[in-house]
């Protein structure tokens, strides 16, 4: 699949999500014979590594897209975006190393919201 990154700029001040995901660069792209796209994001997840997020929603909302790429197109776009990001001197969080996903039974970390913590306290109080 012929994918070209037509413009890219780094996003140095992206605030991490509760799971630690960050946006590293925003880019425009062309999939030959199919479409031109704008504002895709090269992102980083501590569990999955580098990812491409298409057409992110407004700031402060979940990064979701109405478009899902086929595996070969997604792989080609990710490869091109990473190459362009690295050419700009971009570096990946944690030196590019990922960590194992803790799973649903893991002890909650600091990402657990105050509301969830409060619900747990109420449940413990009511159980006593």
N, C-alpha and C. Protein backbone atom coordinates (compact mmCIF):
# COMPACT_ATOMS: atom_id res chain seq x y z
N UNK A 1 0.85 -1.17 0.00
CA UNK A 1 0.00 0.00 0.00
C UNK A 1 0.89 1.23 0.00
N UNK A 2 0.60 2.15 -0.87
CA UNK A 2 1.39 3.37 -1.03
C UNK A 2 0.83 4.47 -0.14
N UNK A 3 1.49 4.70 1.01
CA UNK A 3 1.09 5.73 1.96
C UNK A 3 2.20 6.76 2.03
N UNK A 4 1.85 8.04 1.96
CA UNK A 4 2.82 9.12 2.04
C UNK A 4 2.42 10.07 3.16
N UNK A 5 3.38 10.46 3.99
CA UNK A 5 3.15 11.50 4.99
C UNK A 5 3.45 12.81 4.30
N UNK A 6 2.46 13.70 4.21
CA UNK A 6 2.63 14.95 3.46
C UNK A 6 3.01 16.12 4.35
N UNK A 7 2.76 16.03 5.65
CA UNK A 7 3.16 17.07 6.61
C UNK A 7 3.16 16.44 7.99
N UNK A 8 4.06 16.90 8.85
CA UNK A 8 4.12 16.37 10.22
C UNK A 8 4.72 17.43 11.14
N UNK A 9 4.20 17.51 12.35
CA UNK A 9 4.84 18.33 13.39
C UNK A 9 4.69 17.64 14.74
N UNK A 10 5.70 17.81 15.55
CA UNK A 10 5.74 17.17 16.87
C UNK A 10 4.78 17.85 17.83
N UNK A 11 4.32 17.10 18.82
CA UNK A 11 3.41 17.60 19.85
C UNK A 11 4.08 17.45 21.22
N UNK A 12 4.96 18.38 21.58
CA UNK A 12 5.75 18.19 22.80
C UNK A 12 4.97 18.36 24.10
N UNK A 13 3.81 19.00 24.07
CA UNK A 13 3.09 19.31 25.31
C UNK A 13 1.82 18.50 25.51
N UNK A 14 1.71 17.35 24.88
CA UNK A 14 0.51 16.53 25.00
C UNK A 14 0.41 15.96 26.42
N UNK A 15 -0.73 16.14 27.06
CA UNK A 15 -0.94 15.60 28.41
C UNK A 15 -1.28 14.11 28.30
N UNK A 16 -0.62 13.26 29.06
CA UNK A 16 -0.91 11.82 29.01
C UNK A 16 -2.34 11.51 29.47
N UNK A 17 -2.91 10.49 28.88
CA UNK A 17 -4.23 10.01 29.31
C UNK A 17 -4.06 9.27 30.65
N UNK A 18 -5.15 8.86 31.28
CA UNK A 18 -5.03 8.09 32.53
C UNK A 18 -4.23 6.79 32.37
N UNK A 19 -4.20 6.24 31.16
CA UNK A 19 -3.43 5.00 30.94
C UNK A 19 -2.00 5.29 30.51
N UNK A 20 -1.64 6.58 30.37
CA UNK A 20 -0.28 6.93 29.99
C UNK A 20 -0.07 7.16 28.51
N UNK A 21 -1.14 7.05 27.70
CA UNK A 21 -1.00 7.27 26.26
C UNK A 21 -0.79 8.76 25.97
N UNK A 22 0.07 9.04 25.01
CA UNK A 22 0.35 10.42 24.61
C UNK A 22 0.39 10.52 23.10
N UNK A 23 0.13 11.72 22.61
CA UNK A 23 0.31 12.01 21.19
C UNK A 23 1.72 12.55 20.99
N UNK A 24 2.42 12.02 20.01
CA UNK A 24 3.79 12.44 19.75
C UNK A 24 3.89 13.42 18.59
N UNK A 25 3.05 13.22 17.57
CA UNK A 25 3.10 14.08 16.38
C UNK A 25 1.74 14.06 15.69
N UNK A 26 1.41 15.15 15.05
CA UNK A 26 0.20 15.23 14.22
C UNK A 26 0.68 15.28 12.77
N UNK A 27 -0.05 14.57 11.89
CA UNK A 27 0.40 14.52 10.49
C UNK A 27 -0.75 14.43 9.51
N UNK A 28 -0.46 14.84 8.28
CA UNK A 28 -1.36 14.68 7.15
C UNK A 28 -0.80 13.56 6.30
N UNK A 29 -1.66 12.87 5.57
CA UNK A 29 -1.22 11.70 4.82
C UNK A 29 -2.00 11.56 3.52
N UNK A 30 -1.46 10.73 2.64
CA UNK A 30 -2.13 10.39 1.38
C UNK A 30 -2.02 8.89 1.19
N UNK A 31 -3.14 8.25 0.92
CA UNK A 31 -3.15 6.85 0.53
C UNK A 31 -3.45 6.85 -0.96
N UNK A 32 -2.42 6.54 -1.76
CA UNK A 32 -2.49 6.68 -3.21
C UNK A 32 -3.73 6.01 -3.79
N UNK A 33 -4.44 6.79 -4.58
CA UNK A 33 -5.62 6.30 -5.26
C UNK A 33 -6.85 6.18 -4.38
N UNK A 34 -6.74 6.60 -3.12
CA UNK A 34 -7.87 6.43 -2.22
C UNK A 34 -8.30 7.72 -1.53
N UNK A 35 -7.37 8.34 -0.76
CA UNK A 35 -7.77 9.54 -0.03
C UNK A 35 -6.58 10.33 0.48
N UNK A 36 -6.89 11.59 0.81
CA UNK A 36 -5.97 12.45 1.55
C UNK A 36 -6.58 12.62 2.93
N UNK A 37 -5.78 12.58 3.97
CA UNK A 37 -6.29 12.75 5.31
C UNK A 37 -5.48 13.79 6.07
N UNK A 38 -6.14 14.45 7.02
CA UNK A 38 -5.47 15.47 7.83
C UNK A 38 -5.63 15.15 9.31
N UNK A 39 -4.69 15.63 10.08
CA UNK A 39 -4.75 15.64 11.54
C UNK A 39 -4.74 14.26 12.19
N UNK A 40 -4.12 13.29 11.57
CA UNK A 40 -3.92 12.00 12.24
C UNK A 40 -2.84 12.21 13.31
N UNK A 41 -2.80 11.33 14.28
CA UNK A 41 -1.84 11.47 15.37
C UNK A 41 -1.01 10.20 15.48
N UNK A 42 0.31 10.39 15.57
CA UNK A 42 1.20 9.30 15.95
C UNK A 42 1.20 9.31 17.46
N UNK A 43 0.66 8.27 18.06
CA UNK A 43 0.55 8.21 19.51
C UNK A 43 1.43 7.13 20.09
N UNK A 44 1.51 7.15 21.41
CA UNK A 44 2.31 6.15 22.12
C UNK A 44 1.51 5.65 23.31
N UNK A 45 1.39 4.34 23.41
CA UNK A 45 0.75 3.69 24.55
C UNK A 45 1.83 2.89 25.28
N UNK A 46 1.90 3.01 26.60
CA UNK A 46 2.92 2.24 27.32
C UNK A 46 2.73 0.73 27.18
N UNK A 47 1.52 0.31 26.83
CA UNK A 47 1.24 -1.12 26.69
C UNK A 47 1.36 -1.62 25.25
N UNK A 48 1.08 -0.76 24.26
CA UNK A 48 1.06 -1.19 22.86
C UNK A 48 2.13 -0.54 22.00
N UNK A 49 2.84 0.45 22.53
CA UNK A 49 3.86 1.14 21.74
C UNK A 49 3.26 2.17 20.81
N UNK A 50 3.91 2.40 19.69
CA UNK A 50 3.47 3.42 18.74
C UNK A 50 2.18 2.98 18.05
N UNK A 51 1.27 3.94 17.89
CA UNK A 51 -0.02 3.70 17.25
C UNK A 51 -0.37 4.90 16.39
N UNK A 52 -1.28 4.70 15.44
CA UNK A 52 -1.80 5.81 14.65
C UNK A 52 -3.27 5.99 15.03
N UNK A 53 -3.63 7.23 15.37
CA UNK A 53 -5.02 7.58 15.67
C UNK A 53 -5.50 8.51 14.57
N UNK A 54 -6.57 8.14 13.88
CA UNK A 54 -7.11 8.95 12.81
C UNK A 54 -8.18 9.89 13.31
N UNK A 55 -8.23 11.07 12.72
CA UNK A 55 -9.26 12.07 13.00
C UNK A 55 -9.66 12.13 14.46
N UNK A 56 -8.75 12.55 15.33
CA UNK A 56 -9.10 12.59 16.75
C UNK A 56 -10.21 13.59 17.01
N UNK A 57 -10.98 13.33 18.05
CA UNK A 57 -12.07 14.21 18.43
C UNK A 57 -11.50 15.44 19.15
N UNK A 58 -12.39 16.29 19.59
CA UNK A 58 -11.99 17.54 20.23
C UNK A 58 -11.13 17.28 21.47
N UNK A 59 -10.27 18.24 21.79
CA UNK A 59 -9.38 18.11 22.95
C UNK A 59 -10.20 17.84 24.21
N UNK A 60 -9.70 16.92 25.02
CA UNK A 60 -10.38 16.59 26.25
C UNK A 60 -11.34 15.42 26.12
N UNK A 61 -11.60 14.99 24.89
CA UNK A 61 -12.48 13.84 24.67
C UNK A 61 -11.63 12.64 24.29
N UNK A 62 -12.22 11.47 24.35
CA UNK A 62 -11.51 10.25 23.98
C UNK A 62 -11.07 10.32 22.53
N UNK A 63 -9.89 9.77 22.24
CA UNK A 63 -9.41 9.75 20.86
C UNK A 63 -10.08 8.59 20.13
N UNK A 64 -11.12 8.90 19.39
CA UNK A 64 -11.84 7.88 18.65
C UNK A 64 -11.94 8.34 17.20
N UNK A 65 -12.09 7.41 16.32
CA UNK A 65 -12.20 7.71 14.91
C UNK A 65 -13.35 6.91 14.32
N UNK A 66 -13.95 7.45 13.29
CA UNK A 66 -15.00 6.74 12.57
C UNK A 66 -14.40 5.87 11.47
N UNK A 67 -13.09 5.93 11.29
CA UNK A 67 -12.42 5.18 10.23
C UNK A 67 -11.51 4.14 10.88
N UNK A 68 -11.58 2.92 10.39
CA UNK A 68 -10.67 1.87 10.82
C UNK A 68 -9.89 1.41 9.60
N UNK A 69 -8.58 1.37 9.72
CA UNK A 69 -7.74 0.97 8.59
C UNK A 69 -7.54 -0.53 8.56
N UNK A 70 -7.44 -1.09 7.36
CA UNK A 70 -7.06 -2.48 7.21
C UNK A 70 -5.63 -2.63 7.71
N UNK A 71 -5.25 -3.83 8.14
CA UNK A 71 -3.93 -4.05 8.75
C UNK A 71 -2.77 -3.60 7.89
N UNK A 72 -2.79 -3.90 6.58
CA UNK A 72 -1.65 -3.52 5.74
C UNK A 72 -1.55 -2.01 5.58
N UNK A 73 -2.68 -1.33 5.50
CA UNK A 73 -2.68 0.14 5.39
C UNK A 73 -2.21 0.75 6.71
N UNK A 74 -2.73 0.24 7.83
CA UNK A 74 -2.33 0.76 9.14
C UNK A 74 -0.84 0.56 9.38
N UNK A 75 -0.32 -0.60 9.00
CA UNK A 75 1.11 -0.88 9.19
C UNK A 75 1.96 0.06 8.34
N UNK A 76 1.54 0.29 7.10
CA UNK A 76 2.30 1.19 6.22
C UNK A 76 2.26 2.63 6.75
N UNK A 77 1.08 3.07 7.21
CA UNK A 77 0.97 4.44 7.74
C UNK A 77 1.80 4.59 9.01
N UNK A 78 1.76 3.60 9.90
CA UNK A 78 2.55 3.66 11.12
C UNK A 78 4.04 3.71 10.81
N UNK A 79 4.48 2.90 9.88
CA UNK A 79 5.89 2.88 9.51
C UNK A 79 6.34 4.23 8.97
N UNK A 80 5.54 4.82 8.08
CA UNK A 80 5.90 6.12 7.48
C UNK A 80 5.87 7.24 8.54
N UNK A 81 4.86 7.21 9.41
CA UNK A 81 4.75 8.25 10.44
C UNK A 81 5.92 8.15 11.43
N UNK A 82 6.30 6.94 11.82
CA UNK A 82 7.43 6.77 12.73
C UNK A 82 8.72 7.26 12.09
N UNK A 83 8.91 6.96 10.81
CA UNK A 83 10.12 7.40 10.11
C UNK A 83 10.19 8.92 10.08
N UNK A 84 9.06 9.58 9.77
CA UNK A 84 9.03 11.04 9.72
C UNK A 84 9.26 11.64 11.10
N UNK A 85 8.64 11.07 12.12
CA UNK A 85 8.80 11.55 13.50
C UNK A 85 10.25 11.44 13.95
N UNK A 86 10.87 10.31 13.67
CA UNK A 86 12.27 10.11 14.05
C UNK A 86 13.19 11.06 13.28
N UNK A 87 12.86 11.37 12.02
CA UNK A 87 13.66 12.30 11.22
C UNK A 87 13.63 13.70 11.82
N UNK A 88 12.54 14.02 12.54
CA UNK A 88 12.44 15.33 13.20
C UNK A 88 13.14 15.34 14.56
N UNK A 89 13.78 14.22 14.91
CA UNK A 89 14.46 14.13 16.20
C UNK A 89 13.54 13.67 17.32
N UNK A 90 12.36 13.17 16.97
CA UNK A 90 11.41 12.72 17.97
C UNK A 90 11.90 11.47 18.70
N UNK A 91 11.57 11.39 19.98
CA UNK A 91 11.94 10.23 20.79
C UNK A 91 10.69 9.66 21.44
N UNK A 92 10.70 8.36 21.67
CA UNK A 92 9.56 7.68 22.26
C UNK A 92 9.68 7.66 23.78
N UNK A 93 8.54 7.74 24.49
CA UNK A 93 8.58 7.65 25.94
C UNK A 93 9.20 6.33 26.39
N UNK A 94 9.85 6.35 27.51
CA UNK A 94 10.44 5.15 28.11
C UNK A 94 11.44 4.49 27.16
N UNK A 95 12.08 5.27 26.30
CA UNK A 95 13.06 4.73 25.37
C UNK A 95 12.47 3.77 24.35
N UNK A 96 11.14 3.81 24.17
CA UNK A 96 10.50 2.93 23.21
C UNK A 96 10.10 1.58 23.79
N UNK A 97 10.39 1.37 25.06
CA UNK A 97 10.05 0.09 25.70
C UNK A 97 8.58 0.10 26.15
N UNK A 98 7.89 -1.00 25.93
CA UNK A 98 6.53 -1.14 26.43
C UNK A 98 6.54 -1.95 27.72
N UNK A 99 5.42 -1.91 28.42
CA UNK A 99 5.29 -2.66 29.67
C UNK A 99 4.11 -3.62 29.53
N UNK A 100 4.11 -4.71 30.27
CA UNK A 100 2.98 -5.64 30.19
C UNK A 100 1.70 -5.00 30.72
N UNK A 101 0.60 -5.31 30.08
CA UNK A 101 -0.69 -4.81 30.55
C UNK A 101 -1.03 -5.50 31.86
N UNK A 102 -1.42 -4.75 32.90
CA UNK A 102 -1.61 -5.35 34.21
C UNK A 102 -2.83 -6.27 34.31
N UNK A 103 -3.80 -6.12 33.43
CA UNK A 103 -4.97 -6.99 33.47
C UNK A 103 -6.02 -6.49 34.44
N UNK A 104 -7.23 -7.06 34.36
CA UNK A 104 -8.34 -6.55 35.17
C UNK A 104 -8.23 -6.85 36.66
N UNK A 105 -7.41 -7.82 37.05
CA UNK A 105 -7.29 -8.17 38.47
C UNK A 105 -6.12 -7.48 39.16
N UNK A 106 -5.44 -6.59 38.46
CA UNK A 106 -4.27 -5.93 39.04
C UNK A 106 -4.69 -4.95 40.13
N UNK A 107 -3.79 -4.69 41.04
CA UNK A 107 -4.03 -3.69 42.06
C UNK A 107 -4.12 -2.33 41.40
N UNK A 108 -5.18 -1.58 41.69
CA UNK A 108 -5.33 -0.28 41.03
C UNK A 108 -4.17 0.66 41.35
N UNK A 109 -3.74 1.39 40.36
CA UNK A 109 -2.68 2.37 40.53
C UNK A 109 -3.25 3.76 40.70
N UNK A 110 -2.43 4.78 40.57
CA UNK A 110 -2.88 6.15 40.79
C UNK A 110 -3.88 6.63 39.74
N UNK A 111 -4.06 5.87 38.64
CA UNK A 111 -4.99 6.31 37.62
C UNK A 111 -6.45 6.11 38.02
N UNK A 112 -6.70 5.37 39.11
CA UNK A 112 -8.08 5.16 39.56
C UNK A 112 -8.62 6.51 40.04
N UNK A 113 -9.76 6.86 39.54
CA UNK A 113 -10.31 8.19 39.85
C UNK A 113 -10.79 8.26 41.29
N UNK A 114 -10.95 9.46 41.77
CA UNK A 114 -11.42 9.69 43.13
C UNK A 114 -12.84 9.14 43.29
N UNK A 115 -13.65 9.21 42.24
CA UNK A 115 -15.02 8.70 42.32
C UNK A 115 -15.02 7.19 42.53
N UNK A 116 -14.18 6.48 41.81
CA UNK A 116 -14.11 5.02 41.97
C UNK A 116 -13.63 4.69 43.37
N UNK A 117 -12.65 5.42 43.85
CA UNK A 117 -12.13 5.20 45.20
C UNK A 117 -13.23 5.43 46.24
N UNK A 118 -14.03 6.46 46.06
CA UNK A 118 -15.11 6.76 46.98
C UNK A 118 -16.15 5.63 46.98
N UNK A 119 -16.50 5.12 45.80
CA UNK A 119 -17.46 4.01 45.71
C UNK A 119 -16.93 2.80 46.46
N UNK A 120 -15.66 2.52 46.32
CA UNK A 120 -15.07 1.38 47.04
C UNK A 120 -15.14 1.57 48.56
N UNK A 121 -14.90 2.79 49.01
CA UNK A 121 -14.98 3.07 50.45
C UNK A 121 -16.41 2.86 50.97
N UNK A 122 -17.39 3.29 50.20
CA UNK A 122 -18.80 3.12 50.58
C UNK A 122 -19.15 1.64 50.62
N UNK A 123 -18.71 0.88 49.61
CA UNK A 123 -18.98 -0.56 49.58
C UNK A 123 -18.35 -1.26 50.78
N UNK A 124 -17.14 -0.88 51.14
CA UNK A 124 -16.48 -1.48 52.29
C UNK A 124 -17.20 -1.14 53.59
N UNK A 125 -17.65 0.10 53.69
CA UNK A 125 -18.37 0.54 54.89
C UNK A 125 -19.69 -0.23 55.01
N UNK A 126 -20.41 -0.37 53.90
CA UNK A 126 -21.69 -1.06 53.92
C UNK A 126 -21.54 -2.55 54.19
N UNK A 127 -20.41 -3.13 53.79
CA UNK A 127 -20.17 -4.55 54.01
C UNK A 127 -19.82 -4.86 55.46
N UNK A 128 -19.37 -3.84 56.20
CA UNK A 128 -18.94 -4.05 57.59
C UNK A 128 -20.10 -4.09 58.56
